[in-house]
Structures are given as structure tokens and as C-alpha cells.
Amino acid sequence: MRRPVTWIVGLLCLVAAALGLRLGLTQSRMDDAALIERAAEAYQRETGGARTDCAAVPGQDAAIRLEVRCGAGTAIRVFTVDHLGQVARVTGDAPET
């Protein structure tokens, strides 16, 4: 009876290790340039502005990796990117529909 339980626990450990390795490799491949480019594409798609209107600064909060600021003057949109590479929040002028 102990042998099947051991195999199941071992298999679950291997699956967890494989998933952890996959997620870790994905996370380690994300560089800041790719994150800025992703936010700049969203800015261009949503507002029609140029990608070159975007610049990034380090996040002010421990949960935030980058703040990508796009636009000029008073029409600035801020894309807040977390450590997983996802846009956590967008603030600023919303595009007109």
C-alpha cells in the first residue's frame, strides 16, 4: 500500500518542479526593454501615439518593477508593470472613443 502512495507523491513533486522551472525561466528571460516595448505597443494601439513617446523609471513600490510613462505635456499615461511582466495599472488620459 505504501508503494503507490510513494509513486504518486514523487510524481506530484516532479510536476511541481517542472512547473517551477518553466515559470522561473520565463521570468528570467523578461528584460526591461521587452516590458517597455510591450507598454509602448499598448500606448500606440490605444492612443495612436508614437512608441518613442515612452520612457520608463523604476517602480516606487516593492510590488512594481517599472513605470512606463508615455505621452507629452499634460497627456501622460503611466503603465505600471509588476514583477511578472503584466501591466498592473494604467493611469492618465483615457483614449477618446
Protein backbone atom coordinates (compact mmCIF):
# COMPACT_ATOMS: atom_id res chain seq x y z
CA MET A 1 0.00 0.00 0.00
CA ARG A 2 2.89 2.40 0.69
CA ARG A 3 4.43 1.92 -2.73
CA PRO A 4 1.57 3.54 -4.80
CA VAL A 5 1.44 6.47 -2.40
CA THR A 6 5.17 6.98 -2.79
CA TRP A 7 4.89 6.95 -6.58
CA ILE A 8 2.03 9.46 -6.55
CA VAL A 9 3.86 11.82 -4.19
CA GLY A 10 7.03 11.51 -6.28
CA LEU A 11 5.11 12.24 -9.48
CA LEU A 12 3.46 15.30 -7.93
CA CYS A 13 6.87 16.57 -6.82
CA LEU A 14 8.24 16.17 -10.33
CA VAL A 15 5.28 18.03 -11.86
CA ALA A 16 5.69 20.86 -9.33
CA ALA A 17 9.43 21.07 -10.06
CA ALA A 18 8.81 21.18 -13.82
CA LEU A 19 6.23 23.94 -13.48
CA GLY A 20 8.51 25.91 -11.17
CA LEU A 21 11.40 25.60 -13.60
CA ARG A 22 9.23 26.70 -16.52
CA LEU A 23 7.89 29.75 -14.68
CA GLY A 24 11.36 30.64 -13.43
CA LEU A 25 12.85 30.52 -16.91
CA THR A 26 10.02 32.63 -18.27
CA GLN A 27 10.55 35.20 -15.54
CA SER A 28 14.32 35.34 -16.01
CA ARG A 29 14.01 35.98 -19.76
CA MET A 30 11.97 39.16 -19.31
CA ASP A 31 14.20 42.17 -19.58
CA ASP A 32 13.21 45.77 -19.07
CA ALA A 33 13.41 46.60 -22.79
CA ALA A 34 10.78 43.98 -23.61
CA LEU A 35 8.48 45.30 -20.88
CA ILE A 36 8.87 48.87 -22.11
CA GLU A 37 8.20 47.74 -25.68
CA ARG A 38 5.02 45.93 -24.60
CA ALA A 39 3.70 49.04 -22.83
CA ALA A 40 4.69 51.25 -25.77
CA GLU A 41 2.76 48.99 -28.15
CA ALA A 42 -0.31 49.27 -25.91
CA TYR A 43 0.08 53.07 -25.85
CA GLN A 44 0.36 53.20 -29.63
CA ARG A 45 -2.65 50.91 -30.10
CA GLU A 46 -4.85 52.80 -27.62
CA THR A 47 -3.96 56.40 -28.44
CA GLY A 48 -2.29 56.38 -31.85
CA GLY A 49 0.80 58.00 -30.35
CA ALA A 50 4.37 57.09 -31.23
CA ARG A 51 6.24 54.38 -29.35
CA THR A 52 9.14 56.76 -28.96
CA ASP A 53 6.97 58.90 -26.66
CA CYS A 54 7.54 56.32 -23.89
CA ALA A 55 10.20 56.14 -21.20
CA ALA A 56 10.48 54.02 -18.07
CA VAL A 57 11.53 54.62 -14.49
CA PRO A 58 11.94 52.07 -11.69
CA GLY A 59 8.81 51.38 -9.68
CA GLN A 60 8.30 53.30 -6.44
CA ASP A 61 6.66 50.33 -4.71
CA ALA A 62 8.20 46.93 -3.95
CA ALA A 63 5.46 45.23 -6.00
CA ILE A 64 6.11 47.38 -9.07
CA ARG A 65 9.03 46.71 -11.41
CA LEU A 66 8.67 49.61 -13.86
CA GLU A 67 6.51 52.63 -14.54
CA VAL A 68 6.38 53.27 -18.28
CA ARG A 69 5.35 56.87 -18.95
CA CYS A 70 4.05 57.66 -22.42
CA GLY A 71 2.96 60.95 -23.94
CA ALA A 72 3.93 64.57 -23.59
CA GLY A 73 2.79 67.59 -21.66
CA THR A 74 -0.31 67.02 -19.60
CA ALA A 75 -1.47 64.00 -21.65
CA ILE A 76 0.74 61.40 -19.98
CA ARG A 77 -0.33 57.80 -19.49
CA VAL A 78 1.51 55.67 -16.93
CA PHE A 79 1.64 51.90 -17.41
CA THR A 80 2.58 50.22 -14.14
CA VAL A 81 4.33 46.87 -14.76
CA ASP A 82 4.65 44.27 -12.00
CA HIS A 83 7.45 41.74 -11.48
CA LEU A 84 5.64 39.13 -13.56
CA GLY A 85 5.72 41.43 -16.58
CA GLN A 86 2.00 42.20 -16.54
CA VAL A 87 0.55 45.69 -16.77
CA ALA A 88 -0.95 46.07 -13.32
CA ARG A 89 -2.49 49.50 -13.78
CA VAL A 90 -2.88 52.25 -16.37
CA THR A 91 -3.37 55.82 -15.23
CA GLY A 92 -3.68 59.02 -17.16
CA ASP A 93 -5.80 60.26 -20.01
CA ALA A 94 -8.05 57.59 -21.44
CA PRO A 95 -8.32 57.44 -25.23
CA GLU A 96 -11.37 59.12 -26.69
CA THR A 97 -13.91 56.78 -28.26
